[in-house]
Every structure is written in C-alpha cells, then in structure tokens.
Protein backbone atom coordinates (compact mmCIF):
# COMPACT_ATOMS: atom_id res chain seq x y z
CA UNK A 1 25.30 4.94 -21.91
CA UNK A 2 23.54 2.73 -19.63
CA UNK A 3 20.59 3.44 -22.10
CA UNK A 4 22.63 2.37 -24.75
CA UNK A 5 23.32 -1.39 -23.36
CA UNK A 6 19.87 -1.48 -22.09
CA UNK A 7 18.47 -0.60 -25.60
CA UNK A 8 21.01 -3.41 -27.05
CA UNK A 9 19.44 -6.43 -24.77
CA UNK A 10 15.96 -5.46 -24.81
CA UNK A 11 13.00 -3.93 -26.68
CA UNK A 12 12.75 -0.38 -28.01
CA UNK A 13 9.65 -0.61 -26.13
CA UNK A 14 11.56 -1.66 -22.60
CA UNK A 15 14.26 1.51 -23.39
CA UNK A 16 11.44 3.70 -23.78
CA UNK A 17 10.09 3.15 -20.59
CA UNK A 18 12.90 3.02 -18.74
CA UNK A 19 14.46 5.85 -19.99
CA UNK A 20 11.40 7.71 -18.61
CA UNK A 21 11.79 6.14 -15.29
CA UNK A 22 15.69 7.55 -15.03
CA UNK A 23 14.23 10.97 -16.09
CA UNK A 24 11.72 10.92 -13.20
CA UNK A 25 14.51 9.91 -10.41
CA UNK A 26 16.64 12.84 -12.39
CA UNK A 27 13.74 15.61 -11.61
CA UNK A 28 13.35 13.72 -8.06
CA UNK A 29 16.95 14.72 -7.49
CA UNK A 30 17.04 18.09 -9.14
CA UNK A 31 13.95 18.99 -6.55
CA UNK A 32 15.18 17.74 -3.83
CA UNK A 33 18.63 19.46 -4.38
CA UNK A 34 17.28 22.58 -4.66
CA UNK A 35 15.16 21.82 -1.78
CA UNK A 36 18.11 20.89 0.33
CA UNK A 37 19.72 24.66 -0.78
CA UNK A 38 16.98 26.37 0.54
CA UNK A 39 19.02 28.31 3.46
CA UNK A 40 16.50 28.02 6.79
CA UNK A 41 16.84 29.66 10.25
CA UNK A 42 18.69 27.16 12.36
CA UNK A 43 16.71 26.94 15.87
CA UNK A 44 18.33 25.81 18.39
CA UNK A 45 16.32 24.68 21.74
CA UNK A 46 16.89 25.53 25.03
CA UNK A 47 17.59 22.65 26.93
CA UNK A 48 14.20 22.83 28.91
CA UNK A 49 12.59 23.10 25.83
CA UNK A 50 14.05 19.84 24.26
CA UNK A 51 13.34 18.06 27.71
CA UNK A 52 9.59 19.27 27.11
CA UNK A 53 9.53 18.03 23.50
CA UNK A 54 10.99 14.83 24.64
CA UNK A 55 8.35 14.52 27.16
CA UNK A 56 5.34 15.48 24.99
CA UNK A 57 6.77 12.50 22.35
CA UNK A 58 7.00 10.08 24.69
CA UNK A 59 3.56 11.04 25.87
CA UNK A 60 2.24 10.66 22.48
CA UNK A 61 4.10 7.37 21.58
CA UNK A 62 2.10 5.83 25.11
CA UNK A 63 -0.54 6.71 23.74
CA UNK A 64 -0.56 5.17 20.59
CA UNK A 65 0.92 1.71 22.03
CA UNK A 66 -1.75 2.39 24.42
CA UNK A 67 -4.49 2.90 21.86
CA UNK A 68 -3.05 -0.08 19.38
CA UNK A 69 -3.42 -2.72 22.65
CA UNK A 70 -6.85 -1.60 22.98
CA UNK A 71 -7.73 -2.31 19.81
CA UNK A 72 -6.32 -5.96 19.78
CA UNK A 73 -7.41 -6.17 23.05
CA UNK A 74 -10.86 -5.67 21.13
CA UNK A 75 -10.39 -7.54 18.27
CA UNK A 76 -9.64 -11.20 20.50
CA UNK A 77 -12.88 -10.57 22.60
CA UNK A 78 -14.55 -9.90 19.10
CA UNK A 79 -12.83 -12.89 18.02
CA UNK A 80 -13.63 -14.58 20.95
CA UNK A 81 -17.09 -14.28 20.49
CA UNK A 82 -17.77 -14.78 16.90
CA UNK A 83 -16.15 -18.20 17.91
CA UNK A 84 -18.71 -19.13 20.60
CA UNK A 85 -21.31 -18.03 18.82
CA UNK A 86 -21.21 -19.89 15.72
CA UNK A 87 -19.19 -22.81 16.84
CA UNK A 88 -15.58 -22.92 15.77
CA UNK A 89 -12.57 -22.57 16.29
CA UNK A 90 -10.79 -19.60 17.75
CA UNK A 91 -8.02 -20.61 15.20
CA UNK A 92 -10.33 -21.03 12.86
CA UNK A 93 -11.87 -17.18 13.41
CA UNK A 94 -8.80 -15.62 13.75
CA UNK A 95 -7.61 -17.22 10.19
CA UNK A 96 -10.61 -15.85 8.50
CA UNK A 97 -10.57 -12.82 10.52
CA UNK A 98 -7.32 -11.54 9.80
CA UNK A 99 -6.33 -13.29 6.30
CA UNK A 100 -9.58 -13.22 4.39
CA UNK A 101 -10.39 -10.06 5.02
CA UNK A 102 -7.29 -8.94 3.15
CA UNK A 103 -6.71 -7.27 -0.33
CA UNK A 104 -6.54 -10.81 -1.43
CA UNK A 105 -9.75 -11.59 -1.04
CA UNK A 106 -11.30 -8.23 -3.37
CA UNK A 107 -12.77 -9.00 -5.91
CA UNK A 108 -11.46 -7.95 -9.49
CA UNK A 109 -13.33 -4.63 -11.02
CA UNK A 110 -10.88 -5.09 -14.35
CA UNK A 111 -12.50 -7.36 -16.89
CA UNK A 112 -10.96 -10.40 -18.52
CA UNK A 113 -10.54 -9.05 -22.29
CA UNK A 114 -10.50 -12.98 -23.32
CA UNK A 115 -14.21 -12.86 -20.97
CA UNK A 116 -15.57 -9.98 -22.74
CA UNK A 117 -14.77 -11.21 -25.75
CA UNK A 118 -16.26 -15.13 -25.55
CA UNK A 119 -19.28 -13.52 -24.21
CA UNK A 120 -19.44 -10.78 -26.92
CA UNK A 121 -19.42 -13.62 -29.16
CA UNK A 122 -21.31 -16.37 -27.91
CA UNK A 123 -23.88 -13.22 -27.56
CA UNK A 124 -23.69 -12.14 -30.68
CA UNK A 125 -24.60 -15.99 -31.89
CA UNK A 126 -27.26 -16.39 -29.73
CA UNK A 127 -28.58 -13.16 -31.23
CA UNK A 128 -28.71 -14.45 -34.17
CA UNK A 129 -30.11 -17.37 -34.09
CA UNK A 130 -33.58 -15.80 -33.14
C-alpha cells in the first residue's frame, strides 16, 4: 500500500528504488528471524566463572583505555614538537593535524563529466587546428 502512495507522488524510477529497499529490508528481516529460530543450548555459568569473565572484561577495558591515553599523549607530544620546530601555534598545528588529515581533504578520484567533456572538445579543436 505504501508503494502505491509513493508511486503517485514520485517518479517511477524513485518508486522502484524504494521498492528495492523494502525488498532488501524484508529479506534481512526473514534472515534474522530464521537465525533466531535456531535452537541453541543454554549455557549456565557458575558464579566463579561469571566473576572470572567479568574480571577479564574489566582488565581488557582498562588496557584499551590506557592504550588510547598513551596514543593521545604521543599525539600531543608530536604536536608540541611540530609547533616548536616550525614556529607555529599549538592550536594551528592541532587544527591542521586533526581536521586536515580527515576525509574532507582526500582528493576526488571520480572524474567530473563536464570537465572531461570540455577537455575532450578542446583537445579535438587543438588537434584539428594543427
């Protein structure tokens, strides 16, 4: 019923895209429900085993947080060193390091169709003129 309402307000191409998404969602739901219906043996742990697992989980969490803290302190030290070496402010180096190394600064690899067309036409004009 929702697909019919969607068709009346959108183009046929958009409606087919929405229908495909709903089909994929339906398949995912069926797969999930079939996985849930599988009978798994219920494991009951003793109080000591639960305590041991809990202790291991806490130790891993502490090690992870410590490693993250060490990494950030290394980054902070490197930032201070770069700022001092290149006579830049700490804030400027932090900004360049944190923001400009992210995904926004990555070069586009997809060719712009208009630019490719324009280059091809200008190339043809130059070649025909010679």
